[in-house]
């Protein structure tokens, strides 16, 4: 029996495999749920009001909606469904942490221990808190290996020599800002940094770069040097390409093996129609 709607204690039967989905924004949580269920796994979601897409409710076995920062409610929902492993998929917009964040007492205690609102530190602390409750956080790519490309050119158009230089340069810069947990993306033109991703996210960074220069930009998105594969993986999709095309961009480079490509067929079709080169680069910053 499949159960949808609000999650209640005892609402799901004992099954062979079950995963908790701590869902943030974007398409990634929906794709994760759809793929996991195709593998015969029950998906119990905890979604965030104002962030998680409403369509997630239609593709999971049970869902509880909470406000960002309601850690006790999150844990209670997973424990009542007897969840023993969970994934964190999709982010919470960083500006929300400064405007609409309403942490409960348990979340405040975690923040006090961490002493900062940086992504990595908070997410690791949250994972530790869940594990103390018997809920292990696992890699979000567990059922999604087909969404993580290896090295190579994904688009019809090959990058030019100049674009390859910008990709190699941008990869070095992206890794450097990643060490400080600033962001995962940089925008480059002529081996000059045009924009660095801050709290606004990749697509907004691309649009900002487009307003600064007259096209010809290359976007590089890479994992942080000490990336924890359990959360906050780099992700791109059709909206990334739309933003890049609107900004007059010419190339998009992602890190192979650890970047999730959402709706890949649609994304590449958009890139090909716009003449944008899409490249997955190896750890050294160069295509295969």
C-alpha atoms as a PDB file:
ATOM      1  CA  UNK A   1       0.000   0.000   0.000  1.00  0.00           C
ATOM      2  CA  UNK A   2       1.268   3.464  -0.884  1.00  0.00           C
ATOM      3  CA  UNK A   3       0.541   6.249   1.552  1.00  0.00           C
ATOM      4  CA  UNK A   4       0.575   9.927   0.554  1.00  0.00           C
ATOM      5  CA  UNK A   5      -0.347  13.107   2.363  1.00  0.00           C
ATOM      6  CA  UNK A   6       0.710  14.006   5.872  1.00  0.00           C
ATOM      7  CA  UNK A   7       2.885  11.414   7.569  1.00  0.00           C
ATOM      8  CA  UNK A   8       1.580   9.881  10.778  1.00  0.00           C
ATOM      9  CA  UNK A   9       3.132   7.389  13.155  1.00  0.00           C
ATOM     10  CA  UNK A  10       2.513   3.867  11.943  1.00  0.00           C
ATOM     11  CA  UNK A  11       1.232   5.184   8.603  1.00  0.00           C
ATOM     12  CA  UNK A  12       3.596   3.093   6.480  1.00  0.00           C
ATOM     13  CA  UNK A  13       3.923  -0.677   6.501  1.00  0.00           C
ATOM     14  CA  UNK A  14       7.295  -2.341   7.060  1.00  0.00           C
ATOM     15  CA  UNK A  15       8.954  -2.770   3.659  1.00  0.00           C
ATOM     16  CA  UNK A  16      12.152  -4.255   2.285  1.00  0.00           C
ATOM     17  CA  UNK A  17      13.839  -0.884   1.802  1.00  0.00           C
ATOM     18  CA  UNK A  18      12.929   2.659   2.795  1.00  0.00           C
ATOM     19  CA  UNK A  19      14.774   5.951   2.535  1.00  0.00           C
ATOM     20  CA  UNK A  20      14.084   9.321   4.078  1.00  0.00           C
ATOM     21  CA  UNK A  21      14.260  12.290   1.745  1.00  0.00           C
ATOM     22  CA  UNK A  22      15.120  15.627   3.359  1.00  0.00           C
ATOM     23  CA  UNK A  23      13.998  17.783   0.460  1.00  0.00           C
ATOM     24  CA  UNK A  24      15.103  21.266  -0.450  1.00  0.00           C
ATOM     25  CA  UNK A  25      14.377  23.266  -3.588  1.00  0.00           C
ATOM     26  CA  UNK A  26      14.553  22.502  -7.289  1.00  0.00           C
ATOM     27  CA  UNK A  27      14.033  19.425  -9.456  1.00  0.00           C
ATOM     28  CA  UNK A  28      16.603  17.229  -7.723  1.00  0.00           C
ATOM     29  CA  UNK A  29      14.301  15.954  -4.899  1.00  0.00           C
ATOM     30  CA  UNK A  30      11.593  15.002  -7.410  1.00  0.00           C
ATOM     31  CA  UNK A  31      14.055  13.141  -9.651  1.00  0.00           C
ATOM     32  CA  UNK A  32      15.537  11.372  -6.644  1.00  0.00           C
ATOM     33  CA  UNK A  33      12.104  10.202  -5.451  1.00  0.00           C
ATOM     34  CA  UNK A  34      11.045   9.012  -8.891  1.00  0.00           C
ATOM     35  CA  UNK A  35      14.276   7.069  -9.420  1.00  0.00           C
ATOM     36  CA  UNK A  36      14.357   5.532  -5.942  1.00  0.00           C
ATOM     37  CA  UNK A  37      10.793   4.280  -6.276  1.00  0.00           C
ATOM     38  CA  UNK A  38      11.643   2.722  -9.649  1.00  0.00           C
ATOM     39  CA  UNK A  39      14.247   0.750  -7.685  1.00  0.00           C
ATOM     40  CA  UNK A  40      11.488  -0.530  -5.394  1.00  0.00           C
ATOM     41  CA  UNK A  41      12.364   1.776  -2.497  1.00  0.00           C
ATOM     42  CA  UNK A  42       9.731   3.540  -0.385  1.00  0.00           C
ATOM     43  CA  UNK A  43      10.462   7.261  -0.078  1.00  0.00           C
ATOM     44  CA  UNK A  44       9.447   9.165   3.060  1.00  0.00           C
ATOM     45  CA  UNK A  45       9.881  12.888   2.455  1.00  0.00           C
ATOM     46  CA  UNK A  46      10.297  15.825   4.791  1.00  0.00           C
ATOM     47  CA  UNK A  47       9.740  18.948   2.685  1.00  0.00           C
ATOM     48  CA  UNK A  48      10.329  22.623   3.447  1.00  0.00           C
ATOM     49  CA  UNK A  49       7.568  25.181   2.996  1.00  0.00           C
ATOM     50  CA  UNK A  50       8.517  27.924   0.574  1.00  0.00           C
ATOM     51  CA  UNK A  51      11.388  25.875  -0.864  1.00  0.00           C
ATOM     52  CA  UNK A  52      10.349  22.350  -1.909  1.00  0.00           C
ATOM     53  CA  UNK A  53       8.292  21.926  -5.087  1.00  0.00           C
ATOM     54  CA  UNK A  54       4.660  20.943  -4.436  1.00  0.00           C
ATOM     55  CA  UNK A  55       4.929  18.241  -7.116  1.00  0.00           C
ATOM     56  CA  UNK A  56       7.094  16.172  -4.773  1.00  0.00           C
ATOM     57  CA  UNK A  57       3.967  15.083  -2.882  1.00  0.00           C
ATOM     58  CA  UNK A  58       2.767  13.126  -5.924  1.00  0.00           C
ATOM     59  CA  UNK A  59       5.904  10.991  -6.251  1.00  0.00           C
ATOM     60  CA  UNK A  60       6.659   9.939  -2.662  1.00  0.00           C
ATOM     61  CA  UNK A  61       5.040   7.437  -0.324  1.00  0.00           C
ATOM     62  CA  UNK A  62       4.586   9.918   2.536  1.00  0.00           C
ATOM     63  CA  UNK A  63       5.403  13.560   3.112  1.00  0.00           C
ATOM     64  CA  UNK A  64       5.592  15.975   6.025  1.00  0.00           C
ATOM     65  CA  UNK A  65       5.872  19.722   5.473  1.00  0.00           C
ATOM     66  CA  UNK A  66       7.940  21.795   7.901  1.00  0.00           C
ATOM     67  CA  UNK A  67       9.391  25.297   8.040  1.00  0.00           C
ATOM     68  CA  UNK A  68      13.163  25.619   7.540  1.00  0.00           C
ATOM     69  CA  UNK A  69      14.812  25.226  10.923  1.00  0.00           C
ATOM     70  CA  UNK A  70      12.262  22.850  12.481  1.00  0.00           C
ATOM     71  CA  UNK A  71      14.799  20.174  13.301  1.00  0.00           C
ATOM     72  CA  UNK A  72      12.737  18.423  15.991  1.00  0.00           C
ATOM     73  CA  UNK A  73       9.792  18.033  13.595  1.00  0.00           C
ATOM     74  CA  UNK A  74      12.122  16.701  10.903  1.00  0.00           C
ATOM     75  CA  UNK A  75      13.532  14.046  13.209  1.00  0.00           C
ATOM     76  CA  UNK A  76      10.101  13.113  14.562  1.00  0.00           C
ATOM     77  CA  UNK A  77       8.763  12.585  11.025  1.00  0.00           C
ATOM     78  CA  UNK A  78      11.597  10.253  10.045  1.00  0.00           C
ATOM     79  CA  UNK A  79      11.559   8.343  13.317  1.00  0.00           C
ATOM     80  CA  UNK A  80       7.787   7.825  13.221  1.00  0.00           C
ATOM     81  CA  UNK A  81       8.188   6.216   9.787  1.00  0.00           C
ATOM     82  CA  UNK A  82      11.004   4.000  11.135  1.00  0.00           C
ATOM     83  CA  UNK A  83      13.475   5.489   8.678  1.00  0.00           C
ATOM     84  CA  UNK A  84      17.046   4.326   9.266  1.00  0.00           C
ATOM     85  CA  UNK A  85      18.776   6.011   6.341  1.00  0.00           C
ATOM     86  CA  UNK A  86      18.123   9.342   4.648  1.00  0.00           C
ATOM     87  CA  UNK A  87      19.444  11.656   1.960  1.00  0.00           C
ATOM     88  CA  UNK A  88      19.644  15.437   1.803  1.00  0.00           C
ATOM     89  CA  UNK A  89      18.650  16.579  -1.671  1.00  0.00           C
ATOM     90  CA  UNK A  90      18.202  20.145  -2.880  1.00  0.00           C
ATOM     91  CA  UNK A  91      19.249  23.249  -1.045  1.00  0.00           C
ATOM     92  CA  UNK A  92      17.604  25.914   1.042  1.00  0.00           C
ATOM     93  CA  UNK A  93      18.116  29.366  -0.475  1.00  0.00           C
ATOM     94  CA  UNK A  94      20.826  31.039   1.584  1.00  0.00           C
ATOM     95  CA  UNK A  95      19.013  34.395   1.815  1.00  0.00           C
ATOM     96  CA  UNK A  96      16.229  32.571   3.671  1.00  0.00           C
ATOM     97  CA  UNK A  97      18.716  31.885   6.463  1.00  0.00           C
ATOM     98  CA  UNK A  98      18.868  35.629   7.054  1.00  0.00           C
ATOM     99  CA  UNK A  99      15.193  36.524   6.564  1.00  0.00           C
ATOM    100  CA  UNK A 100      12.725  33.657   7.129  1.00  0.00           C
ATOM    101  CA  UNK A 101      14.760  31.165   9.143  1.00  0.00           C
ATOM    102  CA  UNK A 102      12.880  30.128  12.300  1.00  0.00           C
ATOM    103  CA  UNK A 103      15.012  27.511  14.057  1.00  0.00           C
ATOM    104  CA  UNK A 104      13.503  25.552  16.922  1.00  0.00           C
ATOM    105  CA  UNK A 105      15.355  24.957  20.172  1.00  0.00           C
ATOM    106  CA  UNK A 106      17.119  21.864  18.869  1.00  0.00           C
ATOM    107  CA  UNK A 107      18.292  23.640  15.703  1.00  0.00           C
ATOM    108  CA  UNK A 108      19.514  26.591  17.771  1.00  0.00           C
ATOM    109  CA  UNK A 109      21.567  24.198  19.891  1.00  0.00           C
ATOM    110  CA  UNK A 110      23.190  22.749  16.756  1.00  0.00           C
ATOM    111  CA  UNK A 111      23.940  26.229  15.396  1.00  0.00           C
ATOM    112  CA  UNK A 112      25.426  27.248  18.741  1.00  0.00           C
ATOM    113  CA  UNK A 113      27.766  24.235  18.647  1.00  0.00           C
ATOM    114  CA  UNK A 114      28.837  24.982  15.080  1.00  0.00           C
ATOM    115  CA  UNK A 115      29.116  28.739  15.639  1.00  0.00           C
ATOM    116  CA  UNK A 116      28.526  29.687  11.982  1.00  0.00           C
ATOM    117  CA  UNK A 117      26.013  29.438   9.118  1.00  0.00           C
ATOM    118  CA  UNK A 118      28.428  27.984   6.577  1.00  0.00           C
ATOM    119  CA  UNK A 119      26.953  25.161   4.491  1.00  0.00           C
ATOM    120  CA  UNK A 120      29.448  22.387   5.157  1.00  0.00           C
ATOM    121  CA  UNK A 121      29.689  22.881   8.899  1.00  0.00           C
ATOM    122  CA  UNK A 122      25.922  23.078   9.391  1.00  0.00           C
ATOM    123  CA  UNK A 123      25.149  20.103   7.171  1.00  0.00           C
ATOM    124  CA  UNK A 124      27.736  17.914   8.873  1.00  0.00           C
ATOM    125  CA  UNK A 125      26.367  18.947  12.256  1.00  0.00           C
ATOM    126  CA  UNK A 126      22.828  18.116  11.100  1.00  0.00           C
ATOM    127  CA  UNK A 127      24.011  14.730   9.841  1.00  0.00           C
ATOM    128  CA  UNK A 128      25.654  14.053  13.211  1.00  0.00           C
ATOM    129  CA  UNK A 129      22.450  15.011  15.022  1.00  0.00           C
ATOM    130  CA  UNK A 130      20.401  12.628  12.881  1.00  0.00           C
ATOM    131  CA  UNK A 131      22.882   9.808  13.335  1.00  0.00           C
ATOM    132  CA  UNK A 132      22.551  10.178  17.096  1.00  0.00           C
ATOM    133  CA  UNK A 133      18.882   9.378  16.529  1.00  0.00           C
ATOM    134  CA  UNK A 134      19.723   6.257  14.516  1.00  0.00           C
ATOM    135  CA  UNK A 135      19.190   7.890  11.098  1.00  0.00           C
ATOM    136  CA  UNK A 136      22.257   7.597   8.856  1.00  0.00           C
ATOM    137  CA  UNK A 137      22.750  10.175   6.103  1.00  0.00           C
ATOM    138  CA  UNK A 138      23.880   8.487   2.864  1.00  0.00           C
ATOM    139  CA  UNK A 139      25.003   9.767  -0.538  1.00  0.00           C
ATOM    140  CA  UNK A 140      22.262  11.447  -2.543  1.00  0.00           C
ATOM    141  CA  UNK A 141      23.574   9.784  -5.725  1.00  0.00           C
ATOM    142  CA  UNK A 142      22.842   6.276  -4.396  1.00  0.00           C
ATOM    143  CA  UNK A 143      20.169   5.661  -7.079  1.00  0.00           C
ATOM    144  CA  UNK A 144      21.256   8.353  -9.514  1.00  0.00           C
ATOM    145  CA  UNK A 145      24.535   7.282 -11.066  1.00  0.00           C
ATOM    146  CA  UNK A 146      23.105   7.816 -14.552  1.00  0.00           C
ATOM    147  CA  UNK A 147      22.688  11.517 -13.699  1.00  0.00           C
ATOM    148  CA  UNK A 148      26.399  12.011 -12.913  1.00  0.00           C
ATOM    149  CA  UNK A 149      28.402  12.114 -16.171  1.00  0.00           C
ATOM    150  CA  UNK A 150      32.001  11.088 -16.627  1.00  0.00           C
ATOM    151  CA  UNK A 151      34.598  13.240 -18.416  1.00  0.00           C
ATOM    152  CA  UNK A 152      33.861  14.372 -21.949  1.00  0.00           C
ATOM    153  CA  UNK A 153      31.964  16.804 -24.147  1.00  0.00           C
ATOM    154  CA  UNK A 154      28.210  16.386 -23.638  1.00  0.00           C
ATOM    155  CA  UNK A 155      27.019  18.837 -26.282  1.00  0.00           C
ATOM    156  CA  UNK A 156      27.109  18.756 -30.062  1.00  0.00           C
ATOM    157  CA  UNK A 157      29.534  21.665 -30.235  1.00  0.00           C
ATOM    158  CA  UNK A 158      33.092  21.175 -29.060  1.00  0.00           C
ATOM    159  CA  UNK A 159      34.607  23.974 -26.952  1.00  0.00           C
ATOM    160  CA  UNK A 160      37.052  26.255 -28.712  1.00  0.00           C
ATOM    161  CA  UNK A 161      40.700  26.564 -27.677  1.00  0.00           C
ATOM    162  CA  UNK A 162      39.926  29.880 -25.966  1.00  0.00           C
ATOM    163  CA  UNK A 163      36.997  28.334 -24.096  1.00  0.00           C
ATOM    164  CA  UNK A 164      39.171  25.435 -22.964  1.00  0.00           C
ATOM    165  CA  UNK A 165      41.643  27.943 -21.520  1.00  0.00           C
ATOM    166  CA  UNK A 166      38.840  29.681 -19.661  1.00  0.00           C
ATOM    167  CA  UNK A 167      37.558  26.321 -18.395  1.00  0.00           C
ATOM    168  CA  UNK A 168      40.973  25.329 -17.035  1.00  0.00           C
ATOM    169  CA  UNK A 169      41.399  28.754 -15.411  1.00  0.00           C
ATOM    170  CA  UNK A 170      37.862  28.763 -14.035  1.00  0.00           C
ATOM    171  CA  UNK A 171      38.307  25.308 -12.537  1.00  0.00           C
ATOM    172  CA  UNK A 172      41.301  26.517 -10.505  1.00  0.00           C
ATOM    173  CA  UNK A 173      39.330  29.534  -9.280  1.00  0.00           C
ATOM    174  CA  UNK A 174      36.246  27.436  -8.450  1.00  0.00           C
ATOM    175  CA  UNK A 175      38.346  25.096  -6.329  1.00  0.00           C
ATOM    176  CA  UNK A 176      39.942  28.071  -4.576  1.00  0.00           C
ATOM    177  CA  UNK A 177      36.604  29.640  -3.576  1.00  0.00           C
ATOM    178  CA  UNK A 178      35.325  26.202  -2.616  1.00  0.00           C
ATOM    179  CA  UNK A 179      37.992  25.950   0.076  1.00  0.00           C
ATOM    180  CA  UNK A 180      36.300  28.888   1.802  1.00  0.00           C
ATOM    181  CA  UNK A 181      32.770  27.510   1.229  1.00  0.00           C
ATOM    182  CA  UNK A 182      31.876  30.618  -0.808  1.00  0.00           C
ATOM    183  CA  UNK A 183      30.164  28.919  -3.748  1.00  0.00           C
ATOM    184  CA  UNK A 184      30.579  26.310  -6.471  1.00  0.00           C
ATOM    185  CA  UNK A 185      30.472  28.426  -9.636  1.00  0.00           C
ATOM    186  CA  UNK A 186      32.566  31.080 -11.328  1.00  0.00           C
ATOM    187  CA  UNK A 187      31.979  32.984 -14.563  1.00  0.00           C
ATOM    188  CA  UNK A 188      35.031  33.657 -16.724  1.00  0.00           C
ATOM    189  CA  UNK A 189      35.839  35.533 -19.915  1.00  0.00           C
ATOM    190  CA  UNK A 190      39.331  35.794 -21.366  1.00  0.00           C
ATOM    191  CA  UNK A 191      40.878  34.254 -18.242  1.00  0.00           C
ATOM    192  CA  UNK A 192      39.290  37.019 -16.174  1.00  0.00           C
ATOM    193  CA  UNK A 193      36.831  36.316 -13.362  1.00  0.00           C
ATOM    194  CA  UNK A 194      33.582  38.116 -14.180  1.00  0.00           C
ATOM    195  CA  UNK A 195      31.468  36.824 -11.292  1.00  0.00           C
ATOM    196  CA  UNK A 196      31.744  34.479  -8.322  1.00  0.00           C
ATOM    197  CA  UNK A 197      28.734  32.655  -6.922  1.00  0.00           C
ATOM    198  CA  UNK A 198      27.579  33.966  -3.562  1.00  0.00           C
ATOM    199  CA  UNK A 199      24.364  33.365  -1.681  1.00  0.00           C
ATOM    200  CA  UNK A 200      22.200  33.999  -4.763  1.00  0.00           C
ATOM    201  CA  UNK A 201      22.924  30.666  -6.499  1.00  0.00           C
ATOM    202  CA  UNK A 202      24.339  29.726  -9.902  1.00  0.00           C
ATOM    203  CA  UNK A 203      21.586  30.989 -12.212  1.00  0.00           C
ATOM    204  CA  UNK A 204      21.461  34.420 -10.567  1.00  0.00           C
ATOM    205  CA  UNK A 205      25.271  34.586 -10.736  1.00  0.00           C
ATOM    206  CA  UNK A 206      25.141  33.910 -14.474  1.00  0.00           C
ATOM    207  CA  UNK A 207      22.540  36.642 -14.994  1.00  0.00           C
ATOM    208  CA  UNK A 208      24.664  39.077 -12.966  1.00  0.00           C
ATOM    209  CA  UNK A 209      27.682  38.248 -15.125  1.00  0.00           C
ATOM    210  CA  UNK A 210      25.645  38.805 -18.271  1.00  0.00           C
ATOM    211  CA  UNK A 211      24.801  42.310 -17.065  1.00  0.00           C
ATOM    212  CA  UNK A 212      28.494  43.069 -16.548  1.00  0.00           C
ATOM    213  CA  UNK A 213      29.938  41.969 -19.891  1.00  0.00           C
ATOM    214  CA  UNK A 214      28.693  41.674 -23.443  1.00  0.00           C
ATOM    215  CA  UNK A 215      28.405  37.892 -23.787  1.00  0.00           C
ATOM    216  CA  UNK A 216      31.162  35.400 -24.524  1.00  0.00           C
ATOM    217  CA  UNK A 217      31.222  34.054 -20.966  1.00  0.00           C
ATOM    218  CA  UNK A 218      32.106  30.585 -19.724  1.00  0.00           C
ATOM    219  CA  UNK A 219      30.593  29.123 -16.560  1.00  0.00           C
ATOM    220  CA  UNK A 220      32.528  26.606 -14.478  1.00  0.00           C
ATOM    221  CA  UNK A 221      30.865  24.652 -11.679  1.00  0.00           C
ATOM    222  CA  UNK A 222      32.921  22.345  -9.467  1.00  0.00           C
ATOM    223  CA  UNK A 223      32.706  20.461  -6.196  1.00  0.00           C
ATOM    224  CA  UNK A 224      34.489  21.859  -3.189  1.00  0.00           C
ATOM    225  CA  UNK A 225      37.948  20.346  -2.578  1.00  0.00           C
ATOM    226  CA  UNK A 226      36.700  18.494   0.515  1.00  0.00           C
ATOM    227  CA  UNK A 227      33.187  17.871  -0.825  1.00  0.00           C
ATOM    228  CA  UNK A 228      31.064  15.593   1.339  1.00  0.00           C
ATOM    229  CA  UNK A 229      29.158  13.432  -1.155  1.00  0.00           C
ATOM    230  CA  UNK A 230      26.242  13.103   1.257  1.00  0.00           C
ATOM    231  CA  UNK A 231      25.008  16.614   0.537  1.00  0.00           C
ATOM    232  CA  UNK A 232      25.334  19.857  -1.414  1.00  0.00           C
ATOM    233  CA  UNK A 233      26.565  18.248  -4.639  1.00  0.00           C
ATOM    234  CA  UNK A 234      26.912  20.598  -7.606  1.00  0.00           C
ATOM    235  CA  UNK A 235      23.887  20.387  -9.924  1.00  0.00           C
ATOM    236  CA  UNK A 236      22.987  21.888 -13.294  1.00  0.00           C
ATOM    237  CA  UNK A 237      19.949  21.571 -15.524  1.00  0.00           C
ATOM    238  CA  UNK A 238      17.857  23.252 -18.204  1.00  0.00           C
ATOM    239  CA  UNK A 239      17.491  26.445 -16.166  1.00  0.00           C
ATOM    240  CA  UNK A 240      21.295  26.739 -16.002  1.00  0.00           C
ATOM    241  CA  UNK A 241      21.497  26.658 -19.795  1.00  0.00           C
ATOM    242  CA  UNK A 242      18.593  29.083 -20.152  1.00  0.00           C
ATOM    243  CA  UNK A 243      20.339  31.536 -17.845  1.00  0.00           C
ATOM    244  CA  UNK A 244      23.622  31.100 -19.727  1.00  0.00           C
ATOM    245  CA  UNK A 245      21.955  31.607 -23.099  1.00  0.00           C
ATOM    246  CA  UNK A 246      20.199  34.726 -21.837  1.00  0.00           C
ATOM    247  CA  UNK A 247      23.544  36.100 -20.697  1.00  0.00           C
ATOM    248  CA  UNK A 248      25.196  35.472 -24.073  1.00  0.00           C
ATOM    249  CA  UNK A 249      27.253  32.599 -22.708  1.00  0.00           C
ATOM    250  CA  UNK A 250      29.204  30.184 -24.871  1.00  0.00           C
ATOM    251  CA  UNK A 251      30.314  27.320 -22.617  1.00  0.00           C
ATOM    252  CA  UNK A 252      29.362  25.439 -19.452  1.00  0.00           C
ATOM    253  CA  UNK A 253      31.873  23.220 -17.674  1.00  0.00           C
ATOM    254  CA  UNK A 254      31.042  20.891 -14.788  1.00  0.00           C
ATOM    255  CA  UNK A 255      33.158  18.549 -12.725  1.00  0.00           C
ATOM    256  CA  UNK A 256      32.852  14.952 -13.920  1.00  0.00           C
ATOM    257  CA  UNK A 257      31.934  12.244 -11.447  1.00  0.00           C
ATOM    258  CA  UNK A 258      30.359  14.501  -8.829  1.00  0.00           C
ATOM    259  CA  UNK A 259      27.980  16.894 -10.601  1.00  0.00           C
ATOM    260  CA  UNK A 260      24.315  15.983 -10.989  1.00  0.00           C
ATOM    261  CA  UNK A 261      22.824  16.816 -14.391  1.00  0.00           C
ATOM    262  CA  UNK A 262      19.057  17.264 -14.056  1.00  0.00           C
ATOM    263  CA  UNK A 263      16.818  16.552 -17.081  1.00  0.00           C
ATOM    264  CA  UNK A 264      19.906  15.898 -19.170  1.00  0.00           C
ATOM    265  CA  UNK A 265      18.207  15.380 -22.544  1.00  0.00           C
ATOM    266  CA  UNK A 266      16.324  18.665 -22.250  1.00  0.00           C
ATOM    267  CA  UNK A 267      19.404  20.508 -21.013  1.00  0.00           C
ATOM    268  CA  UNK A 268      21.622  19.317 -23.873  1.00  0.00           C
ATOM    269  CA  UNK A 269      18.906  19.996 -26.447  1.00  0.00           C
ATOM    270  CA  UNK A 270      18.701  23.580 -25.208  1.00  0.00           C
ATOM    271  CA  UNK A 271      22.490  23.903 -25.291  1.00  0.00           C
ATOM    272  CA  UNK A 272      22.713  22.523 -28.829  1.00  0.00           C
ATOM    273  CA  UNK A 273      19.975  24.855 -30.053  1.00  0.00           C
ATOM    274  CA  UNK A 274      21.872  27.808 -28.567  1.00  0.00           C
ATOM    275  CA  UNK A 275      25.317  26.660 -29.736  1.00  0.00           C
ATOM    276  CA  UNK A 276      26.567  26.317 -26.155  1.00  0.00           C
ATOM    277  CA  UNK A 277      29.359  23.834 -25.457  1.00  0.00           C
ATOM    278  CA  UNK A 278      28.783  21.655 -22.379  1.00  0.00           C
ATOM    279  CA  UNK A 279      31.828  19.857 -20.980  1.00  0.00           C
ATOM    280  CA  UNK A 280      32.401  17.533 -18.041  1.00  0.00           C
ATOM    281  CA  UNK A 281      35.973  17.938 -16.832  1.00  0.00           C
ATOM    282  CA  UNK A 282      38.070  15.565 -14.766  1.00  0.00           C
ATOM    283  CA  UNK A 283      39.570  16.500 -11.433  1.00  0.00           C
ATOM    284  CA  UNK A 284      42.505  18.186 -13.169  1.00  0.00           C
ATOM    285  CA  UNK A 285      40.208  20.661 -14.896  1.00  0.00           C
ATOM    286  CA  UNK A 286      40.507  19.293 -18.441  1.00  0.00           C
ATOM    287  CA  UNK A 287      38.034  17.326 -20.627  1.00  0.00           C
ATOM    288  CA  UNK A 288      38.925  13.714 -21.426  1.00  0.00           C
END
